[in-house]
Amino acid sequence: MDVVIYIIAGPLFLISLIAHLYVKIRLRPKSNSDFDDYYYEFEDRHPDFARYTKWSQITFVAAIIAALLLFVATAI
């Protein structure tokens, strides 16, 4: 049972970690975008920032789930 969890959670953790770093580096709104024109209360409506936030949360949650699975496999 532990081996199956390791086989699933190990690559999932590595893939989600790499994807999270990619999102943080590539999808972040650039300094020359029109992001500064948005009022701070409405910045979540900016399309680039909304995409960045969504993918950042998805990859972070995937990394957390994979880390928890690895912890459970180690604890069992």
PDB file of N, CA and C in Angstrom:
ATOM      1  N   MET A   1       0.820  -1.196   0.000  1.00  0.00           N
ATOM      2  CA  MET A   1       0.000   0.000   0.000  1.00  0.00           C
ATOM      3  C   MET A   1       0.863   1.258   0.000  1.00  0.00           C
ATOM      4  N   ASP A   2       1.934   1.246   0.797  1.00  0.00           N
ATOM      5  CA  ASP A   2       2.814   2.418   0.867  1.00  0.00           C
ATOM      6  C   ASP A   2       3.481   2.699  -0.479  1.00  0.00           C
ATOM      7  N   VAL A   3       3.837   1.642  -1.176  1.00  0.00           N
ATOM      8  CA  VAL A   3       4.526   1.804  -2.454  1.00  0.00           C
ATOM      9  C   VAL A   3       3.619   2.504  -3.471  1.00  0.00           C
ATOM     10  N   VAL A   4       2.351   2.152  -3.469  1.00  0.00           N
ATOM     11  CA  VAL A   4       1.402   2.767  -4.399  1.00  0.00           C
ATOM     12  C   VAL A   4       1.263   4.263  -4.097  1.00  0.00           C
ATOM     13  N   ILE A   5       1.198   4.605  -2.822  1.00  0.00           N
ATOM     14  CA  ILE A   5       1.082   6.022  -2.450  1.00  0.00           C
ATOM     15  C   ILE A   5       2.345   6.778  -2.840  1.00  0.00           C
ATOM     16  N   TYR A   6       3.520   6.157  -2.624  1.00  0.00           N
ATOM     17  CA  TYR A   6       4.777   6.794  -3.027  1.00  0.00           C
ATOM     18  C   TYR A   6       4.847   6.995  -4.533  1.00  0.00           C
ATOM     19  N   ILE A   7       4.387   6.002  -5.288  1.00  0.00           N
ATOM     20  CA  ILE A   7       4.423   6.091  -6.753  1.00  0.00           C
ATOM     21  C   ILE A   7       3.511   7.206  -7.243  1.00  0.00           C
ATOM     22  N   ILE A   8       2.390   7.421  -6.593  1.00  0.00           N
ATOM     23  CA  ILE A   8       1.461   8.473  -7.006  1.00  0.00           C
ATOM     24  C   ILE A   8       1.895   9.832  -6.467  1.00  0.00           C
ATOM     25  N   ALA A   9       2.224   9.910  -5.193  1.00  0.00           N
ATOM     26  CA  ALA A   9       2.479  11.194  -4.545  1.00  0.00           C
ATOM     27  C   ALA A   9       3.844  11.792  -4.882  1.00  0.00           C
ATOM     28  N   GLY A  10       4.838  10.968  -5.112  1.00  0.00           N
ATOM     29  CA  GLY A  10       6.180  11.477  -5.418  1.00  0.00           C
ATOM     30  C   GLY A  10       6.216  12.300  -6.699  1.00  0.00           C
ATOM     31  N   PRO A  11       5.822  11.696  -7.824  1.00  0.00           N
ATOM     32  CA  PRO A  11       5.807  12.485  -9.058  1.00  0.00           C
ATOM     33  C   PRO A  11       4.809  13.649  -9.021  1.00  0.00           C
ATOM     34  N   LEU A  12       3.674  13.457  -8.349  1.00  0.00           N
ATOM     35  CA  LEU A  12       2.702  14.545  -8.236  1.00  0.00           C
ATOM     36  C   LEU A  12       3.317  15.736  -7.511  1.00  0.00           C
ATOM     37  N   PHE A  13       4.081  15.473  -6.465  1.00  0.00           N
ATOM     38  CA  PHE A  13       4.726  16.553  -5.729  1.00  0.00           C
ATOM     39  C   PHE A  13       5.749  17.275  -6.594  1.00  0.00           C
ATOM     40  N   LEU A  14       6.576  16.527  -7.306  1.00  0.00           N
ATOM     41  CA  LEU A  14       7.584  17.151  -8.153  1.00  0.00           C
ATOM     42  C   LEU A  14       6.957  17.952  -9.295  1.00  0.00           C
ATOM     43  N   ILE A  15       5.946  17.384  -9.931  1.00  0.00           N
ATOM     44  CA  ILE A  15       5.283  18.072 -11.041  1.00  0.00           C
ATOM     45  C   ILE A  15       4.589  19.339 -10.560  1.00  0.00           C
ATOM     46  N   SER A  16       3.892  19.255  -9.442  1.00  0.00           N
ATOM     47  CA  SER A  16       3.182  20.438  -8.944  1.00  0.00           C
ATOM     48  C   SER A  16       4.156  21.499  -8.441  1.00  0.00           C
ATOM     49  N   LEU A  17       5.284  21.092  -7.893  1.00  0.00           N
ATOM     50  CA  LEU A  17       6.288  22.055  -7.455  1.00  0.00           C
ATOM     51  C   LEU A  17       6.897  22.791  -8.654  1.00  0.00           C
ATOM     52  N   ILE A  18       7.232  22.058  -9.697  1.00  0.00           N
ATOM     53  CA  ILE A  18       7.772  22.677 -10.907  1.00  0.00           C
ATOM     54  C   ILE A  18       6.719  23.574 -11.562  1.00  0.00           C
ATOM     55  N   ALA A  19       5.482  23.114 -11.596  1.00  0.00           N
ATOM     56  CA  ALA A  19       4.411  23.919 -12.182  1.00  0.00           C
ATOM     57  C   ALA A  19       4.188  25.198 -11.373  1.00  0.00           C
ATOM     58  N   HIS A  20       4.276  25.104 -10.063  1.00  0.00           N
ATOM     59  CA  HIS A  20       4.091  26.292  -9.224  1.00  0.00           C
ATOM     60  C   HIS A  20       5.208  27.310  -9.468  1.00  0.00           C
ATOM     61  N   LEU A  21       6.422  26.834  -9.597  1.00  0.00           N
ATOM     62  CA  LEU A  21       7.522  27.749  -9.906  1.00  0.00           C
ATOM     63  C   LEU A  21       7.340  28.381 -11.284  1.00  0.00           C
ATOM     64  N   TYR A  22       6.872  27.606 -12.251  1.00  0.00           N
ATOM     65  CA  TYR A  22       6.598  28.135 -13.587  1.00  0.00           C
ATOM     66  C   TYR A  22       5.535  29.229 -13.531  1.00  0.00           C
ATOM     67  N   VAL A  23       4.479  28.979 -12.775  1.00  0.00           N
ATOM     68  CA  VAL A  23       3.410  29.979 -12.650  1.00  0.00           C
ATOM     69  C   VAL A  23       3.944  31.245 -11.994  1.00  0.00           C
ATOM     70  N   LYS A  24       4.732  31.107 -10.963  1.00  0.00           N
ATOM     71  CA  LYS A  24       5.261  32.281 -10.264  1.00  0.00           C
ATOM     72  C   LYS A  24       6.200  33.097 -11.142  1.00  0.00           C
ATOM     73  N   ILE A  25       6.917  32.431 -12.051  1.00  0.00           N
ATOM     74  CA  ILE A  25       7.879  33.137 -12.889  1.00  0.00           C
ATOM     75  C   ILE A  25       7.243  33.657 -14.173  1.00  0.00           C
ATOM     76  N   ARG A  26       6.470  32.822 -14.863  1.00  0.00           N
ATOM     77  CA  ARG A  26       5.991  33.167 -16.204  1.00  0.00           C
ATOM     78  C   ARG A  26       4.623  33.846 -16.248  1.00  0.00           C
ATOM     79  N   LEU A  27       3.709  33.485 -15.371  1.00  0.00           N
ATOM     80  CA  LEU A  27       2.355  34.004 -15.469  1.00  0.00           C
ATOM     81  C   LEU A  27       2.114  35.285 -14.671  1.00  0.00           C
ATOM     82  N   ARG A  28       3.070  35.688 -13.873  1.00  0.00           N
ATOM     83  CA  ARG A  28       2.910  36.916 -13.101  1.00  0.00           C
ATOM     84  C   ARG A  28       2.761  38.100 -14.059  1.00  0.00           C
ATOM     85  N   PRO A  29       1.803  38.983 -13.802  1.00  0.00           N
ATOM     86  CA  PRO A  29       1.644  40.151 -14.689  1.00  0.00           C
ATOM     87  C   PRO A  29       2.933  40.969 -14.747  1.00  0.00           C
ATOM     88  N   LYS A  30       3.298  41.350 -15.939  1.00  0.00           N
ATOM     89  CA  LYS A  30       4.546  42.087 -16.151  1.00  0.00           C
ATOM     90  C   LYS A  30       4.409  43.522 -15.656  1.00  0.00           C
ATOM     91  N   SER A  31       5.541  44.158 -15.472  1.00  0.00           N
ATOM     92  CA  SER A  31       5.534  45.531 -14.968  1.00  0.00           C
ATOM     93  C   SER A  31       5.032  46.521 -16.016  1.00  0.00           C
ATOM     94  N   ASN A  32       5.088  46.165 -17.293  1.00  0.00           N
ATOM     95  CA  ASN A  32       4.628  47.085 -18.331  1.00  0.00           C
ATOM     96  C   ASN A  32       3.169  46.840 -18.731  1.00  0.00           C
ATOM     97  N   SER A  33       2.448  46.013 -17.999  1.00  0.00           N
ATOM     98  CA  SER A  33       1.046  45.754 -18.323  1.00  0.00           C
ATOM     99  C   SER A  33       0.165  46.873 -17.760  1.00  0.00           C
ATOM    100  N   ASP A  34      -1.104  46.811 -18.094  1.00  0.00           N
ATOM    101  CA  ASP A  34      -2.034  47.838 -17.613  1.00  0.00           C
ATOM    102  C   ASP A  34      -2.582  47.508 -16.225  1.00  0.00           C
ATOM    103  N   PHE A  35      -1.895  46.660 -15.504  1.00  0.00           N
ATOM    104  CA  PHE A  35      -2.316  46.250 -14.166  1.00  0.00           C
ATOM    105  C   PHE A  35      -2.373  47.434 -13.204  1.00  0.00           C
ATOM    106  N   ASP A  36      -1.480  48.399 -13.374  1.00  0.00           N
ATOM    107  CA  ASP A  36      -1.450  49.573 -12.483  1.00  0.00           C
ATOM    108  C   ASP A  36      -2.653  50.479 -12.688  1.00  0.00           C
ATOM    109  N   ASP A  37      -3.330  50.350 -13.826  1.00  0.00           N
ATOM    110  CA  ASP A  37      -4.497  51.186 -14.097  1.00  0.00           C
ATOM    111  C   ASP A  37      -5.730  50.736 -13.317  1.00  0.00           C
ATOM    112  N   TYR A  38      -5.700  49.521 -12.794  1.00  0.00           N
ATOM    113  CA  TYR A  38      -6.835  48.995 -12.044  1.00  0.00           C
ATOM    114  C   TYR A  38      -6.764  49.484 -10.598  1.00  0.00           C
ATOM    115  N   TYR A  39      -7.891  49.847 -10.077  1.00  0.00           N
ATOM    116  CA  TYR A  39      -7.964  50.244  -8.677  1.00  0.00           C
ATOM    117  C   TYR A  39      -7.713  49.009  -7.820  1.00  0.00           C
ATOM    118  N   TYR A  40      -7.058  49.146  -6.688  1.00  0.00           N
ATOM    119  CA  TYR A  40      -6.612  47.996  -5.913  1.00  0.00           C
ATOM    120  C   TYR A  40      -7.758  47.097  -5.463  1.00  0.00           C
ATOM    121  N   GLU A  41      -8.942  47.629  -5.313  1.00  0.00           N
ATOM    122  CA  GLU A  41     -10.065  46.787  -4.895  1.00  0.00           C
ATOM    123  C   GLU A  41     -10.594  45.933  -6.045  1.00  0.00           C
ATOM    124  N   PHE A  42     -10.273  46.300  -7.270  1.00  0.00           N
ATOM    125  CA  PHE A  42     -10.759  45.573  -8.436  1.00  0.00           C
ATOM    126  C   PHE A  42      -9.642  44.856  -9.185  1.00  0.00           C
ATOM    127  N   GLU A  43      -8.488  44.713  -8.562  1.00  0.00           N
ATOM    128  CA  GLU A  43      -7.371  44.106  -9.263  1.00  0.00           C
ATOM    129  C   GLU A  43      -7.593  42.629  -9.563  1.00  0.00           C
ATOM    130  N   ASP A  44      -8.491  41.957  -8.829  1.00  0.00           N
ATOM    131  CA  ASP A  44      -8.758  40.554  -9.113  1.00  0.00           C
ATOM    132  C   ASP A  44      -9.561  40.379 -10.397  1.00  0.00           C
ATOM    133  N   ARG A  45     -10.084  41.454 -10.966  1.00  0.00           N
ATOM    134  CA  ARG A  45     -10.819  41.380 -12.226  1.00  0.00           C
ATOM    135  C   ARG A  45      -9.901  41.520 -13.441  1.00  0.00           C
ATOM    136  N   HIS A  46      -8.652  41.854 -13.215  1.00  0.00           N
ATOM    137  CA  HIS A  46      -7.693  41.929 -14.313  1.00  0.00           C
ATOM    138  C   HIS A  46      -7.475  40.514 -14.855  1.00  0.00           C
ATOM    139  N   PRO A  47      -7.605  40.289 -16.159  1.00  0.00           N
ATOM    140  CA  PRO A  47      -7.558  38.921 -16.688  1.00  0.00           C
ATOM    141  C   PRO A  47      -6.235  38.203 -16.433  1.00  0.00           C
ATOM    142  N   ASP A  48      -5.119  38.896 -16.580  1.00  0.00           N
ATOM    143  CA  ASP A  48      -3.828  38.247 -16.339  1.00  0.00           C
ATOM    144  C   ASP A  48      -3.645  37.910 -14.863  1.00  0.00           C
ATOM    145  N   PHE A  49      -4.054  38.817 -13.998  1.00  0.00           N
ATOM    146  CA  PHE A  49      -3.912  38.570 -12.560  1.00  0.00           C
ATOM    147  C   PHE A  49      -4.852  37.460 -12.098  1.00  0.00           C
ATOM    148  N   ALA A  50      -6.045  37.399 -12.666  1.00  0.00           N
ATOM    149  CA  ALA A  50      -6.996  36.337 -12.311  1.00  0.00           C
ATOM    150  C   ALA A  50      -6.453  34.973 -12.723  1.00  0.00           C
ATOM    151  N   ARG A  51      -5.870  34.884 -13.921  1.00  0.00           N
ATOM    152  CA  ARG A  51      -5.285  33.622 -14.381  1.00  0.00           C
ATOM    153  C   ARG A  51      -4.098  33.233 -13.507  1.00  0.00           C
ATOM    154  N   TYR A  52      -3.254  34.208 -13.177  1.00  0.00           N
ATOM    155  CA  TYR A  52      -2.103  33.955 -12.319  1.00  0.00           C
ATOM    156  C   TYR A  52      -2.541  33.450 -10.940  1.00  0.00           C
ATOM    157  N   THR A  53      -3.529  34.087 -10.364  1.00  0.00           N
ATOM    158  CA  THR A  53      -4.020  33.692  -9.040  1.00  0.00           C
ATOM    159  C   THR A  53      -4.629  32.290  -9.070  1.00  0.00           C
ATOM    160  N   LYS A  54      -5.425  32.010 -10.097  1.00  0.00           N
ATOM    161  CA  LYS A  54      -6.078  30.706 -10.195  1.00  0.00           C
ATOM    162  C   LYS A  54      -5.046  29.585 -10.299  1.00  0.00           C
ATOM    163  N   TRP A  55      -4.084  29.717 -11.204  1.00  0.00           N
ATOM    164  CA  TRP A  55      -3.093  28.656 -11.393  1.00  0.00           C
ATOM    165  C   TRP A  55      -2.122  28.568 -10.227  1.00  0.00           C
ATOM    166  N   SER A  56      -1.851  29.683  -9.589  1.00  0.00           N
ATOM    167  CA  SER A  56      -0.994  29.657  -8.407  1.00  0.00           C
ATOM    168  C   SER A  56      -1.656  28.858  -7.283  1.00  0.00           C
ATOM    169  N   GLN A  57      -2.946  29.067  -7.069  1.00  0.00           N
ATOM    170  CA  GLN A  57      -3.667  28.331  -6.031  1.00  0.00           C
ATOM    171  C   GLN A  57      -3.788  26.851  -6.378  1.00  0.00           C
ATOM    172  N   ILE A  58      -4.054  26.530  -7.637  1.00  0.00           N
ATOM    173  CA  ILE A  58      -4.202  25.125  -8.047  1.00  0.00           C
ATOM    174  C   ILE A  58      -2.907  24.363  -7.846  1.00  0.00           C
ATOM    175  N   THR A  59      -1.790  24.925  -8.288  1.00  0.00           N
ATOM    176  CA  THR A  59      -0.521  24.214  -8.160  1.00  0.00           C
ATOM    177  C   THR A  59      -0.075  24.121  -6.702  1.00  0.00           C
ATOM    178  N   PHE A  60      -0.369  25.138  -5.906  1.00  0.00           N
ATOM    179  CA  PHE A  60       0.004  25.090  -4.495  1.00  0.00           C
ATOM    180  C   PHE A  60      -0.798  24.027  -3.748  1.00  0.00           C
ATOM    181  N   VAL A  61      -2.084  23.944  -4.021  1.00  0.00           N
ATOM    182  CA  VAL A  61      -2.927  22.928  -3.378  1.00  0.00           C
ATOM    183  C   VAL A  61      -2.497  21.527  -3.802  1.00  0.00           C
ATOM    184  N   ALA A  62      -2.142  21.349  -5.060  1.00  0.00           N
ATOM    185  CA  ALA A  62      -1.669  20.047  -5.517  1.00  0.00           C
ATOM    186  C   ALA A  62      -0.382  19.642  -4.800  1.00  0.00           C
ATOM    187  N   ALA A  63       0.518  20.593  -4.593  1.00  0.00           N
ATOM    188  CA  ALA A  63       1.756  20.303  -3.868  1.00  0.00           C
ATOM    189  C   ALA A  63       1.468  19.949  -2.412  1.00  0.00           C
ATOM    190  N   ILE A  64       0.528  20.628  -1.788  1.00  0.00           N
ATOM    191  CA  ILE A  64       0.167  20.321  -0.402  1.00  0.00           C
ATOM    192  C   ILE A  64      -0.449  18.932  -0.285  1.00  0.00           C
ATOM    193  N   ILE A  65      -1.346  18.602  -1.206  1.00  0.00           N
ATOM    194  CA  ILE A  65      -1.984  17.279  -1.179  1.00  0.00           C
ATOM    195  C   ILE A  65      -0.941  16.188  -1.369  1.00  0.00           C
ATOM    196  N   ALA A  66      -0.018  16.386  -2.298  1.00  0.00           N
ATOM    197  CA  ALA A  66       1.029  15.396  -2.528  1.00  0.00           C
ATOM    198  C   ALA A  66       1.934  15.258  -1.308  1.00  0.00           C
ATOM    199  N   ALA A  67       2.270  16.373  -0.657  1.00  0.00           N
ATOM    200  CA  ALA A  67       3.104  16.309   0.546  1.00  0.00           C
ATOM    201  C   ALA A  67       2.377  15.578   1.671  1.00  0.00           C
ATOM    202  N   LEU A  68       1.085  15.819   1.804  1.00  0.00           N
ATOM    203  CA  LEU A  68       0.314  15.100   2.824  1.00  0.00           C
ATOM    204  C   LEU A  68       0.241  13.608   2.524  1.00  0.00           C
ATOM    205  N   LEU A  69       0.095  13.254   1.256  1.00  0.00           N
ATOM    206  CA  LEU A  69       0.093  11.834   0.891  1.00  0.00           C
ATOM    207  C   LEU A  69       1.436  11.186   1.200  1.00  0.00           C
ATOM    208  N   LEU A  70       2.513  11.896   0.936  1.00  0.00           N
ATOM    209  CA  LEU A  70       3.840  11.362   1.276  1.00  0.00           C
ATOM    210  C   LEU A  70       3.996  11.204   2.784  1.00  0.00           C
ATOM    211  N   PHE A  71       3.470  12.142   3.549  1.00  0.00           N
ATOM    212  CA  PHE A  71       3.527  12.036   5.001  1.00  0.00           C
ATOM    213  C   PHE A  71       2.697  10.843   5.492  1.00  0.00           C
ATOM    214  N   VAL A  72       1.524  10.659   4.923  1.00  0.00           N
ATOM    215  CA  VAL A  72       0.673   9.542   5.325  1.00  0.00           C
ATOM    216  C   VAL A  72       1.346   8.218   4.986  1.00  0.00           C
ATOM    217  N   ALA A  73       1.977   8.140   3.814  1.00  0.00           N
ATOM    218  CA  ALA A  73       2.664   6.908   3.423  1.00  0.00           C
ATOM    219  C   ALA A  73       3.841   6.622   4.361  1.00  0.00           C
ATOM    220  N   THR A  74       4.507   7.661   4.824  1.00  0.00           N
ATOM    221  CA  THR A  74       5.621   7.474   5.753  1.00  0.00           C
ATOM    222  C   THR A  74       5.120   7.071   7.143  1.00  0.00           C
ATOM    223  N   ALA A  75       3.996   7.637   7.557  1.00  0.00           N
ATOM    224  CA  ALA A  75       3.477   7.379   8.896  1.00  0.00           C
ATOM    225  C   ALA A  75       2.835   5.993   9.014  1.00  0.00           C
ATOM    226  N   ILE A  76       2.344   5.453   7.913  1.00  0.00           N
ATOM    227  CA  ILE A  76       1.660   4.154   7.975  1.00  0.00           C
ATOM    228  C   ILE A  76       2.635   3.029   8.137  1.00  0.00           C
TER     229      ILE A  76
END
